[in-house]
Amino acid sequence: MNPDTMVIRDGSAISHVNLIPASEITKLLYTIQQAEWFSAYKYSLPLVGAV
């Protein structure tokens, strides 16, 4: 990720001032697929509409 393209004012992730380009998030998610812990991360995400 390129920190020069981001604006992070707090760590809560709910600030309207925080700005992270979608392309940077995409790069991050693509890159971490190679990490050994990625499957645990993936299965920790909620599924919309799952019962």
PDB file of N, CA and C in Angstrom:
ATOM      1  N   MET A   1       0.841  -1.173   0.000  1.00  0.00           N
ATOM      2  CA  MET A   1       0.000   0.000   0.000  1.00  0.00           C
ATOM      3  C   MET A   1       0.888   1.238   0.000  1.00  0.00           C
ATOM      4  N   ASN A   2       0.409   2.237  -0.664  1.00  0.00           N
ATOM      5  CA  ASN A   2       1.143   3.491  -0.760  1.00  0.00           C
ATOM      6  C   ASN A   2       0.593   4.472   0.276  1.00  0.00           C
ATOM      7  N   PRO A   3       1.333   4.720   1.344  1.00  0.00           N
ATOM      8  CA  PRO A   3       0.832   5.619   2.387  1.00  0.00           C
ATOM      9  C   PRO A   3       0.653   7.058   1.910  1.00  0.00           C
ATOM     10  N   ASP A   4       1.290   7.414   0.793  1.00  0.00           N
ATOM     11  CA  ASP A   4       1.142   8.773   0.270  1.00  0.00           C
ATOM     12  C   ASP A   4      -0.256   9.018  -0.306  1.00  0.00           C
ATOM     13  N   THR A   5      -1.004   7.954  -0.606  1.00  0.00           N
ATOM     14  CA  THR A   5      -2.340   8.113  -1.175  1.00  0.00           C
ATOM     15  C   THR A   5      -3.436   7.989  -0.125  1.00  0.00           C
ATOM     16  N   MET A   6      -3.053   7.805   1.134  1.00  0.00           N
ATOM     17  CA  MET A   6      -4.037   7.597   2.188  1.00  0.00           C
ATOM     18  C   MET A   6      -4.075   8.769   3.167  1.00  0.00           C
ATOM     19  N   VAL A   7      -5.253   8.992   3.736  1.00  0.00           N
ATOM     20  CA  VAL A   7      -5.425   9.950   4.819  1.00  0.00           C
ATOM     21  C   VAL A   7      -6.127   9.195   5.928  1.00  0.00           C
ATOM     22  N   ILE A   8      -5.434   9.007   7.049  1.00  0.00           N
ATOM     23  CA  ILE A   8      -6.022   8.300   8.189  1.00  0.00           C
ATOM     24  C   ILE A   8      -5.905   9.205   9.403  1.00  0.00           C
ATOM     25  N   ARG A   9      -7.033   9.630   9.902  1.00  0.00           N
ATOM     26  CA  ARG A   9      -7.068  10.547  11.048  1.00  0.00           C
ATOM     27  C   ARG A   9      -7.231   9.807  12.371  1.00  0.00           C
ATOM     28  N   ASP A  10      -7.854   8.640  12.348  1.00  0.00           N
ATOM     29  CA  ASP A  10      -7.985   7.849  13.565  1.00  0.00           C
ATOM     30  C   ASP A  10      -8.078   6.381  13.184  1.00  0.00           C
ATOM     31  N   GLY A  11      -7.916   5.517  14.149  1.00  0.00           N
ATOM     32  CA  GLY A  11      -7.906   4.084  13.882  1.00  0.00           C
ATOM     33  C   GLY A  11      -9.247   3.402  14.006  1.00  0.00           C
ATOM     34  N   SER A  12     -10.307   4.163  14.198  1.00  0.00           N
ATOM     35  CA  SER A  12     -11.613   3.546  14.419  1.00  0.00           C
ATOM     36  C   SER A  12     -12.239   3.013  13.135  1.00  0.00           C
ATOM     37  N   ALA A  13     -11.787   3.511  11.991  1.00  0.00           N
ATOM     38  CA  ALA A  13     -12.307   3.141  10.670  1.00  0.00           C
ATOM     39  C   ALA A  13     -13.712   3.672  10.427  1.00  0.00           C
ATOM     40  N   ILE A  14     -14.205   4.546  11.304  1.00  0.00           N
ATOM     41  CA  ILE A  14     -15.531   5.126  11.071  1.00  0.00           C
ATOM     42  C   ILE A  14     -15.467   6.634  10.845  1.00  0.00           C
ATOM     43  N   SER A  15     -14.282   7.195  10.855  1.00  0.00           N
ATOM     44  CA  SER A  15     -14.146   8.626  10.643  1.00  0.00           C
ATOM     45  C   SER A  15     -14.441   8.979   9.194  1.00  0.00           C
ATOM     46  N   HIS A  16     -15.197  10.042   8.985  1.00  0.00           N
ATOM     47  CA  HIS A  16     -15.483  10.500   7.629  1.00  0.00           C
ATOM     48  C   HIS A  16     -14.274  11.171   6.993  1.00  0.00           C
ATOM     49  N   VAL A  17     -13.220  11.378   7.777  1.00  0.00           N
ATOM     50  CA  VAL A  17     -12.009  12.020   7.273  1.00  0.00           C
ATOM     51  C   VAL A  17     -11.043  10.983   6.684  1.00  0.00           C
ATOM     52  N   ASN A  18     -11.157   9.714   7.099  1.00  0.00           N
ATOM     53  CA  ASN A  18     -10.269   8.675   6.588  1.00  0.00           C
ATOM     54  C   ASN A  18     -10.500   8.460   5.095  1.00  0.00           C
ATOM     55  N   LEU A  19      -9.438   8.400   4.324  1.00  0.00           N
ATOM     56  CA  LEU A  19      -9.525   8.181   2.885  1.00  0.00           C
ATOM     57  C   LEU A  19      -8.489   7.144   2.458  1.00  0.00           C
ATOM     58  N   ILE A  20      -8.951   6.025   1.960  1.00  0.00           N
ATOM     59  CA  ILE A  20      -8.073   5.000   1.404  1.00  0.00           C
ATOM     60  C   ILE A  20      -8.637   4.645   0.034  1.00  0.00           C
ATOM     61  N   PRO A  21      -7.872   4.875  -1.025  1.00  0.00           N
ATOM     62  CA  PRO A  21      -8.376   4.570  -2.370  1.00  0.00           C
ATOM     63  C   PRO A  21      -8.739   3.089  -2.521  1.00  0.00           C
ATOM     64  N   ALA A  22      -9.800   2.813  -3.247  1.00  0.00           N
ATOM     65  CA  ALA A  22     -10.239   1.433  -3.467  1.00  0.00           C
ATOM     66  C   ALA A  22      -9.136   0.603  -4.112  1.00  0.00           C
ATOM     67  N   SER A  23      -8.332   1.210  -4.965  1.00  0.00           N
ATOM     68  CA  SER A  23      -7.250   0.465  -5.615  1.00  0.00           C
ATOM     69  C   SER A  23      -6.220  -0.025  -4.599  1.00  0.00           C
ATOM     70  N   GLU A  24      -5.993   0.734  -3.539  1.00  0.00           N
ATOM     71  CA  GLU A  24      -5.043   0.316  -2.501  1.00  0.00           C
ATOM     72  C   GLU A  24      -5.594  -0.855  -1.691  1.00  0.00           C
ATOM     73  N   ILE A  25      -6.887  -0.826  -1.392  1.00  0.00           N
ATOM     74  CA  ILE A  25      -7.508  -1.940  -0.672  1.00  0.00           C
ATOM     75  C   ILE A  25      -7.481  -3.194  -1.534  1.00  0.00           C
ATOM     76  N   THR A  26      -7.737  -3.028  -2.831  1.00  0.00           N
ATOM     77  CA  THR A  26      -7.688  -4.157  -3.760  1.00  0.00           C
ATOM     78  C   THR A  26      -6.304  -4.770  -3.797  1.00  0.00           C
ATOM     79  N   LYS A  27      -5.266  -3.930  -3.876  1.00  0.00           N
ATOM     80  CA  LYS A  27      -3.884  -4.430  -3.885  1.00  0.00           C
ATOM     81  C   LYS A  27      -3.578  -5.200  -2.600  1.00  0.00           C
ATOM     82  N   LEU A  28      -4.021  -4.660  -1.475  1.00  0.00           N
ATOM     83  CA  LEU A  28      -3.791  -5.314  -0.184  1.00  0.00           C
ATOM     84  C   LEU A  28      -4.449  -6.687  -0.153  1.00  0.00           C
ATOM     85  N   LEU A  29      -5.733  -6.757  -0.529  1.00  0.00           N
ATOM     86  CA  LEU A  29      -6.444  -8.030  -0.494  1.00  0.00           C
ATOM     87  C   LEU A  29      -5.852  -9.042  -1.471  1.00  0.00           C
ATOM     88  N   TYR A  30      -5.404  -8.584  -2.617  1.00  0.00           N
ATOM     89  CA  TYR A  30      -4.772  -9.476  -3.588  1.00  0.00           C
ATOM     90  C   TYR A  30      -3.460 -10.031  -3.036  1.00  0.00           C
ATOM     91  N   THR A  31      -2.685  -9.167  -2.408  1.00  0.00           N
ATOM     92  CA  THR A  31      -1.382  -9.562  -1.881  1.00  0.00           C
ATOM     93  C   THR A  31      -1.493 -10.537  -0.714  1.00  0.00           C
ATOM     94  N   ILE A  32      -2.438 -10.320   0.190  1.00  0.00           N
ATOM     95  CA  ILE A  32      -2.513 -11.175   1.378  1.00  0.00           C
ATOM     96  C   ILE A  32      -3.052 -12.570   1.081  1.00  0.00           C
ATOM     97  N   GLN A  33      -3.551 -12.790  -0.133  1.00  0.00           N
ATOM     98  CA  GLN A  33      -3.993 -14.142  -0.489  1.00  0.00           C
ATOM     99  C   GLN A  33      -2.858 -15.145  -0.394  1.00  0.00           C
ATOM    100  N   GLN A  34      -1.624 -14.670  -0.453  1.00  0.00           N
ATOM    101  CA  GLN A  34      -0.453 -15.540  -0.388  1.00  0.00           C
ATOM    102  C   GLN A  34      -0.051 -15.878   1.056  1.00  0.00           C
ATOM    103  N   ALA A  35      -0.610 -15.169   2.021  1.00  0.00           N
ATOM    104  CA  ALA A  35      -0.249 -15.388   3.424  1.00  0.00           C
ATOM    105  C   ALA A  35      -0.854 -16.693   3.931  1.00  0.00           C
ATOM    106  N   GLU A  36      -0.138 -17.363   4.821  1.00  0.00           N
ATOM    107  CA  GLU A  36      -0.608 -18.655   5.336  1.00  0.00           C
ATOM    108  C   GLU A  36      -1.890 -18.522   6.155  1.00  0.00           C
ATOM    109  N   TRP A  37      -2.147 -17.347   6.705  1.00  0.00           N
ATOM    110  CA  TRP A  37      -3.326 -17.113   7.535  1.00  0.00           C
ATOM    111  C   TRP A  37      -4.517 -16.609   6.735  1.00  0.00           C
ATOM    112  N   PHE A  38      -4.397 -16.472   5.410  1.00  0.00           N
ATOM    113  CA  PHE A  38      -5.472 -15.883   4.615  1.00  0.00           C
ATOM    114  C   PHE A  38      -6.776 -16.670   4.707  1.00  0.00           C
ATOM    115  N   SER A  39      -6.727 -17.987   4.708  1.00  0.00           N
ATOM    116  CA  SER A  39      -7.975 -18.761   4.757  1.00  0.00           C
ATOM    117  C   SER A  39      -8.732 -18.489   6.066  1.00  0.00           C
ATOM    118  N   ALA A  40      -8.010 -18.334   7.175  1.00  0.00           N
ATOM    119  CA  ALA A  40      -8.667 -18.002   8.442  1.00  0.00           C
ATOM    120  C   ALA A  40      -9.312 -16.619   8.358  1.00  0.00           C
ATOM    121  N   TYR A  41      -8.628 -15.680   7.732  1.00  0.00           N
ATOM    122  CA  TYR A  41      -9.186 -14.336   7.548  1.00  0.00           C
ATOM    123  C   TYR A  41     -10.433 -14.397   6.675  1.00  0.00           C
ATOM    124  N   LYS A  42     -10.341 -15.119   5.569  1.00  0.00           N
ATOM    125  CA  LYS A  42     -11.456 -15.208   4.619  1.00  0.00           C
ATOM    126  C   LYS A  42     -12.695 -15.796   5.288  1.00  0.00           C
ATOM    127  N   TYR A  43     -12.532 -16.851   6.055  1.00  0.00           N
ATOM    128  CA  TYR A  43     -13.677 -17.505   6.702  1.00  0.00           C
ATOM    129  C   TYR A  43     -14.186 -16.746   7.907  1.00  0.00           C
ATOM    130  N   SER A  44     -13.457 -15.711   8.334  1.00  0.00           N
ATOM    131  CA  SER A  44     -13.941 -14.881   9.446  1.00  0.00           C
ATOM    132  C   SER A  44     -14.865 -13.777   8.952  1.00  0.00           C
ATOM    133  N   LEU A  45     -14.922 -13.552   7.642  1.00  0.00           N
ATOM    134  CA  LEU A  45     -15.772 -12.497   7.094  1.00  0.00           C
ATOM    135  C   LEU A  45     -17.237 -12.934   7.091  1.00  0.00           C
ATOM    136  N   PRO A  46     -18.151 -12.024   7.376  1.00  0.00           N
ATOM    137  CA  PRO A  46     -19.574 -12.382   7.362  1.00  0.00           C
ATOM    138  C   PRO A  46     -20.079 -12.616   5.935  1.00  0.00           C
ATOM    139  N   LEU A  47     -21.073 -13.476   5.805  1.00  0.00           N
ATOM    140  CA  LEU A  47     -21.713 -13.734   4.515  1.00  0.00           C
ATOM    141  C   LEU A  47     -23.069 -13.048   4.505  1.00  0.00           C
ATOM    142  N   VAL A  48     -23.270 -12.157   3.565  1.00  0.00           N
ATOM    143  CA  VAL A  48     -24.545 -11.462   3.445  1.00  0.00           C
ATOM    144  C   VAL A  48     -25.633 -12.440   3.022  1.00  0.00           C
ATOM    145  N   GLY A  49     -26.728 -12.470   3.730  1.00  0.00           N
ATOM    146  CA  GLY A  49     -27.850 -13.312   3.391  1.00  0.00           C
ATOM    147  C   GLY A  49     -27.732 -14.752   3.862  1.00  0.00           C
ATOM    148  N   ALA A  50     -26.637 -15.089   4.542  1.00  0.00           N
ATOM    149  CA  ALA A  50     -26.459 -16.450   5.054  1.00  0.00           C
ATOM    150  C   ALA A  50     -27.360 -16.662   6.258  1.00  0.00           C
ATOM    151  N   VAL A  51     -27.941 -17.818   6.335  1.00  0.00           N
ATOM    152  CA  VAL A  51     -28.833 -18.134   7.446  1.00  0.00           C
ATOM    153  C   VAL A  51     -28.139 -19.070   8.403  1.00  0.00           C
TER     154      VAL A  51
END
